[in-house]
Amino acid sequence: MKDLDSRNYDIRDIEIDPRFKIAYKEMLLTFGVWFLFTVASLVVERTSKTSCATRR
């Protein structure tokens, strides 16, 4: 049995938990939705005929 407190190991020997893959995909989805919301908000703000810049 190996010493469990040992720091002498190869990082490639660590198995990737499938939950991290799912969380990573969820994070990318969240960033994608946030980005699309930001773009849509900017488009609406820029194309709005009643924006603050055109009210003068």
PDB file of N, CA and C in Angstrom:
ATOM      1  N   MET A   1       0.839  -1.189   0.000  1.00  0.00           N
ATOM      2  CA  MET A   1       0.000   0.000   0.000  1.00  0.00           C
ATOM      3  C   MET A   1       0.877   1.243   0.000  1.00  0.00           C
ATOM      4  N   LYS A   2       0.506   2.204  -0.848  1.00  0.00           N
ATOM      5  CA  LYS A   2       1.266   3.445  -0.926  1.00  0.00           C
ATOM      6  C   LYS A   2       0.929   4.347   0.254  1.00  0.00           C
ATOM      7  N   ASP A   3       1.847   5.218   0.530  1.00  0.00           N
ATOM      8  CA  ASP A   3       1.613   6.219   1.565  1.00  0.00           C
ATOM      9  C   ASP A   3       0.628   7.257   1.011  1.00  0.00           C
ATOM     10  N   LEU A   4      -0.544   7.359   1.594  1.00  0.00           N
ATOM     11  CA  LEU A   4      -1.585   8.239   1.070  1.00  0.00           C
ATOM     12  C   LEU A   4      -1.260   9.721   1.228  1.00  0.00           C
ATOM     13  N   ASP A   5      -0.369  10.062   2.140  1.00  0.00           N
ATOM     14  CA  ASP A   5       0.005  11.455   2.346  1.00  0.00           C
ATOM     15  C   ASP A   5       1.183  11.880   1.478  1.00  0.00           C
ATOM     16  N   SER A   6       1.703  10.967   0.670  1.00  0.00           N
ATOM     17  CA  SER A   6       2.867  11.265  -0.156  1.00  0.00           C
ATOM     18  C   SER A   6       2.494  12.246  -1.262  1.00  0.00           C
ATOM     19  N   ARG A   7       3.380  13.183  -1.535  1.00  0.00           N
ATOM     20  CA  ARG A   7       3.180  14.152  -2.619  1.00  0.00           C
ATOM     21  C   ARG A   7       3.931  13.715  -3.877  1.00  0.00           C
ATOM     22  N   ASN A   8       4.525  12.543  -3.834  1.00  0.00           N
ATOM     23  CA  ASN A   8       5.311  12.046  -4.948  1.00  0.00           C
ATOM     24  C   ASN A   8       4.420  11.176  -5.833  1.00  0.00           C
ATOM     25  N   TYR A   9       3.725  11.790  -6.785  1.00  0.00           N
ATOM     26  CA  TYR A   9       2.848  11.043  -7.672  1.00  0.00           C
ATOM     27  C   TYR A   9       2.825  11.732  -9.034  1.00  0.00           C
ATOM     28  N   ASP A  10       2.338  11.013 -10.016  1.00  0.00           N
ATOM     29  CA  ASP A  10       2.218  11.560 -11.366  1.00  0.00           C
ATOM     30  C   ASP A  10       0.800  12.090 -11.536  1.00  0.00           C
ATOM     31  N   ILE A  11       0.684  13.306 -12.009  1.00  0.00           N
ATOM     32  CA  ILE A  11      -0.628  13.940 -12.146  1.00  0.00           C
ATOM     33  C   ILE A  11      -1.506  13.182 -13.133  1.00  0.00           C
ATOM     34  N   ARG A  12      -0.908  12.492 -14.096  1.00  0.00           N
ATOM     35  CA  ARG A  12      -1.684  11.730 -15.081  1.00  0.00           C
ATOM     36  C   ARG A  12      -2.324  10.488 -14.478  1.00  0.00           C
ATOM     37  N   ASP A  13      -1.896  10.089 -13.280  1.00  0.00           N
ATOM     38  CA  ASP A  13      -2.481   8.919 -12.626  1.00  0.00           C
ATOM     39  C   ASP A  13      -3.826   9.224 -11.965  1.00  0.00           C
ATOM     40  N   ILE A  14      -4.176  10.496 -11.862  1.00  0.00           N
ATOM     41  CA  ILE A  14      -5.422  10.881 -11.210  1.00  0.00           C
ATOM     42  C   ILE A  14      -6.564  10.714 -12.203  1.00  0.00           C
ATOM     43  N   GLU A  15      -7.587   9.990 -11.810  1.00  0.00           N
ATOM     44  CA  GLU A  15      -8.750   9.794 -12.668  1.00  0.00           C
ATOM     45  C   GLU A  15      -9.653  11.026 -12.593  1.00  0.00           C
ATOM     46  N   ILE A  16     -10.201  11.395 -13.737  1.00  0.00           N
ATOM     47  CA  ILE A  16     -11.089  12.558 -13.795  1.00  0.00           C
ATOM     48  C   ILE A  16     -12.493  12.119 -13.403  1.00  0.00           C
ATOM     49  N   ASP A  17     -13.046  12.807 -12.444  1.00  0.00           N
ATOM     50  CA  ASP A  17     -14.399  12.511 -11.978  1.00  0.00           C
ATOM     51  C   ASP A  17     -15.402  12.958 -13.045  1.00  0.00           C
ATOM     52  N   PRO A  18     -16.312  12.101 -13.457  1.00  0.00           N
ATOM     53  CA  PRO A  18     -17.289  12.490 -14.486  1.00  0.00           C
ATOM     54  C   PRO A  18     -18.137  13.698 -14.097  1.00  0.00           C
ATOM     55  N   ARG A  19     -18.309  13.931 -12.811  1.00  0.00           N
ATOM     56  CA  ARG A  19     -19.089  15.096 -12.377  1.00  0.00           C
ATOM     57  C   ARG A  19     -18.407  16.398 -12.767  1.00  0.00           C
ATOM     58  N   PHE A  20     -17.067  16.387 -12.825  1.00  0.00           N
ATOM     59  CA  PHE A  20     -16.354  17.592 -13.244  1.00  0.00           C
ATOM     60  C   PHE A  20     -16.582  17.871 -14.723  1.00  0.00           C
ATOM     61  N   LYS A  21     -16.684  16.830 -15.533  1.00  0.00           N
ATOM     62  CA  LYS A  21     -16.965  17.015 -16.958  1.00  0.00           C
ATOM     63  C   LYS A  21     -18.355  17.619 -17.145  1.00  0.00           C
ATOM     64  N   ILE A  22     -19.316  17.139 -16.379  1.00  0.00           N
ATOM     65  CA  ILE A  22     -20.679  17.675 -16.457  1.00  0.00           C
ATOM     66  C   ILE A  22     -20.698  19.131 -15.999  1.00  0.00           C
ATOM     67  N   ALA A  23     -20.012  19.418 -14.906  1.00  0.00           N
ATOM     68  CA  ALA A  23     -19.966  20.787 -14.389  1.00  0.00           C
ATOM     69  C   ALA A  23     -19.279  21.721 -15.384  1.00  0.00           C
ATOM     70  N   TYR A  24     -18.248  21.230 -16.069  1.00  0.00           N
ATOM     71  CA  TYR A  24     -17.546  22.032 -17.070  1.00  0.00           C
ATOM     72  C   TYR A  24     -18.483  22.375 -18.228  1.00  0.00           C
ATOM     73  N   LYS A  25     -19.255  21.393 -18.686  1.00  0.00           N
ATOM     74  CA  LYS A  25     -20.210  21.634 -19.771  1.00  0.00           C
ATOM     75  C   LYS A  25     -21.291  22.618 -19.332  1.00  0.00           C
ATOM     76  N   GLU A  26     -21.748  22.497 -18.094  1.00  0.00           N
ATOM     77  CA  GLU A  26     -22.747  23.432 -17.576  1.00  0.00           C
ATOM     78  C   GLU A  26     -22.179  24.844 -17.489  1.00  0.00           C
ATOM     79  N   MET A  27     -20.910  24.958 -17.111  1.00  0.00           N
ATOM     80  CA  MET A  27     -20.263  26.259 -17.032  1.00  0.00           C
ATOM     81  C   MET A  27     -20.184  26.893 -18.416  1.00  0.00           C
ATOM     82  N   LEU A  28     -19.793  26.103 -19.426  1.00  0.00           N
ATOM     83  CA  LEU A  28     -19.719  26.632 -20.787  1.00  0.00           C
ATOM     84  C   LEU A  28     -21.095  27.062 -21.287  1.00  0.00           C
ATOM     85  N   LEU A  29     -22.116  26.289 -20.972  1.00  0.00           N
ATOM     86  CA  LEU A  29     -23.481  26.644 -21.357  1.00  0.00           C
ATOM     87  C   LEU A  29     -23.904  27.957 -20.697  1.00  0.00           C
ATOM     88  N   THR A  30     -23.580  28.104 -19.423  1.00  0.00           N
ATOM     89  CA  THR A  30     -23.920  29.329 -18.696  1.00  0.00           C
ATOM     90  C   THR A  30     -23.211  30.533 -19.297  1.00  0.00           C
ATOM     91  N   PHE A  31     -21.918  30.394 -19.602  1.00  0.00           N
ATOM     92  CA  PHE A  31     -21.184  31.491 -20.235  1.00  0.00           C
ATOM     93  C   PHE A  31     -21.764  31.824 -21.605  1.00  0.00           C
ATOM     94  N   GLY A  32     -22.159  30.807 -22.357  1.00  0.00           N
ATOM     95  CA  GLY A  32     -22.751  31.029 -23.672  1.00  0.00           C
ATOM     96  C   GLY A  32     -24.055  31.795 -23.587  1.00  0.00           C
ATOM     97  N   VAL A  33     -24.914  31.404 -22.662  1.00  0.00           N
ATOM     98  CA  VAL A  33     -26.195  32.101 -22.481  1.00  0.00           C
ATOM     99  C   VAL A  33     -25.956  33.529 -22.019  1.00  0.00           C
ATOM    100  N   TRP A  34     -25.016  33.718 -21.109  1.00  0.00           N
ATOM    101  CA  TRP A  34     -24.692  35.066 -20.627  1.00  0.00           C
ATOM    102  C   TRP A  34     -24.186  35.934 -21.773  1.00  0.00           C
ATOM    103  N   PHE A  35     -23.315  35.370 -22.615  1.00  0.00           N
ATOM    104  CA  PHE A  35     -22.767  36.118 -23.746  1.00  0.00           C
ATOM    105  C   PHE A  35     -23.877  36.509 -24.721  1.00  0.00           C
ATOM    106  N   LEU A  36     -24.765  35.571 -25.038  1.00  0.00           N
ATOM    107  CA  LEU A  36     -25.870  35.874 -25.948  1.00  0.00           C
ATOM    108  C   LEU A  36     -26.800  36.935 -25.361  1.00  0.00           C
ATOM    109  N   PHE A  37     -27.058  36.855 -24.060  1.00  0.00           N
ATOM    110  CA  PHE A  37     -27.883  37.869 -23.403  1.00  0.00           C
ATOM    111  C   PHE A  37     -27.216  39.243 -23.487  1.00  0.00           C
ATOM    112  N   THR A  38     -25.910  39.286 -23.287  1.00  0.00           N
ATOM    113  CA  THR A  38     -25.175  40.545 -23.366  1.00  0.00           C
ATOM    114  C   THR A  38     -25.249  41.127 -24.770  1.00  0.00           C
ATOM    115  N   VAL A  39     -25.020  40.281 -25.772  1.00  0.00           N
ATOM    116  CA  VAL A  39     -25.082  40.745 -27.161  1.00  0.00           C
ATOM    117  C   VAL A  39     -26.491  41.234 -27.491  1.00  0.00           C
ATOM    118  N   ALA A  40     -27.501  40.475 -27.104  1.00  0.00           N
ATOM    119  CA  ALA A  40     -28.881  40.879 -27.380  1.00  0.00           C
ATOM    120  C   ALA A  40     -29.206  42.198 -26.687  1.00  0.00           C
ATOM    121  N   SER A  41     -28.755  42.373 -25.463  1.00  0.00           N
ATOM    122  CA  SER A  41     -29.012  43.620 -24.737  1.00  0.00           C
ATOM    123  C   SER A  41     -28.347  44.805 -25.429  1.00  0.00           C
ATOM    124  N   LEU A  42     -27.120  44.609 -25.893  1.00  0.00           N
ATOM    125  CA  LEU A  42     -26.424  45.693 -26.583  1.00  0.00           C
ATOM    126  C   LEU A  42     -27.082  46.020 -27.920  1.00  0.00           C
ATOM    127  N   VAL A  43     -27.524  45.018 -28.639  1.00  0.00           N
ATOM    128  CA  VAL A  43     -28.201  45.251 -29.919  1.00  0.00           C
ATOM    129  C   VAL A  43     -29.492  46.022 -29.691  1.00  0.00           C
ATOM    130  N   VAL A  44     -30.255  45.627 -28.705  1.00  0.00           N
ATOM    131  CA  VAL A  44     -31.509  46.326 -28.412  1.00  0.00           C
ATOM    132  C   VAL A  44     -31.229  47.756 -27.991  1.00  0.00           C
ATOM    133  N   GLU A  45     -30.214  47.957 -27.186  1.00  0.00           N
ATOM    134  CA  GLU A  45     -29.885  49.299 -26.713  1.00  0.00           C
ATOM    135  C   GLU A  45     -29.417  50.178 -27.864  1.00  0.00           C
ATOM    136  N   ARG A  46     -28.627  49.627 -28.766  1.00  0.00           N
ATOM    137  CA  ARG A  46     -28.074  50.406 -29.878  1.00  0.00           C
ATOM    138  C   ARG A  46     -29.111  50.699 -30.956  1.00  0.00           C
ATOM    139  N   THR A  47     -30.075  49.813 -31.129  1.00  0.00           N
ATOM    140  CA  THR A  47     -31.054  49.995 -32.199  1.00  0.00           C
ATOM    141  C   THR A  47     -32.346  50.630 -31.712  1.00  0.00           C
ATOM    142  N   SER A  48     -32.436  50.884 -30.438  1.00  0.00           N
ATOM    143  CA  SER A  48     -33.649  51.480 -29.888  1.00  0.00           C
ATOM    144  C   SER A  48     -33.776  52.925 -30.361  1.00  0.00           C
ATOM    145  N   LYS A  49     -34.951  53.283 -30.862  1.00  0.00           N
ATOM    146  CA  LYS A  49     -35.169  54.640 -31.355  1.00  0.00           C
ATOM    147  C   LYS A  49     -35.378  55.627 -30.220  1.00  0.00           C
ATOM    148  N   THR A  50     -35.625  55.132 -29.038  1.00  0.00           N
ATOM    149  CA  THR A  50     -35.865  56.023 -27.901  1.00  0.00           C
ATOM    150  C   THR A  50     -34.702  55.973 -26.922  1.00  0.00           C
ATOM    151  N   SER A  51     -33.507  55.746 -27.429  1.00  0.00           N
ATOM    152  CA  SER A  51     -32.362  55.703 -26.530  1.00  0.00           C
ATOM    153  C   SER A  51     -32.051  57.110 -26.025  1.00  0.00           C
ATOM    154  N   CYS A  52     -31.270  57.210 -25.006  1.00  0.00           N
ATOM    155  CA  CYS A  52     -30.959  58.493 -24.380  1.00  0.00           C
ATOM    156  C   CYS A  52     -30.256  59.439 -25.345  1.00  0.00           C
ATOM    157  N   ALA A  53     -29.453  58.915 -26.244  1.00  0.00           N
ATOM    158  CA  ALA A  53     -28.690  59.769 -27.153  1.00  0.00           C
ATOM    159  C   ALA A  53     -29.581  60.441 -28.188  1.00  0.00           C
ATOM    160  N   THR A  54     -30.690  59.821 -28.560  1.00  0.00           N
ATOM    161  CA  THR A  54     -31.543  60.398 -29.609  1.00  0.00           C
ATOM    162  C   THR A  54     -32.702  61.213 -29.047  1.00  0.00           C
ATOM    163  N   ARG A  55     -32.830  61.316 -27.765  1.00  0.00           N
ATOM    164  CA  ARG A  55     -33.941  62.067 -27.158  1.00  0.00           C
ATOM    165  C   ARG A  55     -33.696  63.568 -27.150  1.00  0.00           C
ATOM    166  N   ARG A  56     -32.519  64.008 -27.445  1.00  0.00           N
ATOM    167  CA  ARG A  56     -32.173  65.431 -27.343  1.00  0.00           C
ATOM    168  C   ARG A  56     -32.888  66.264 -28.342  1.00  0.00           C
TER     169      ARG A  56
END
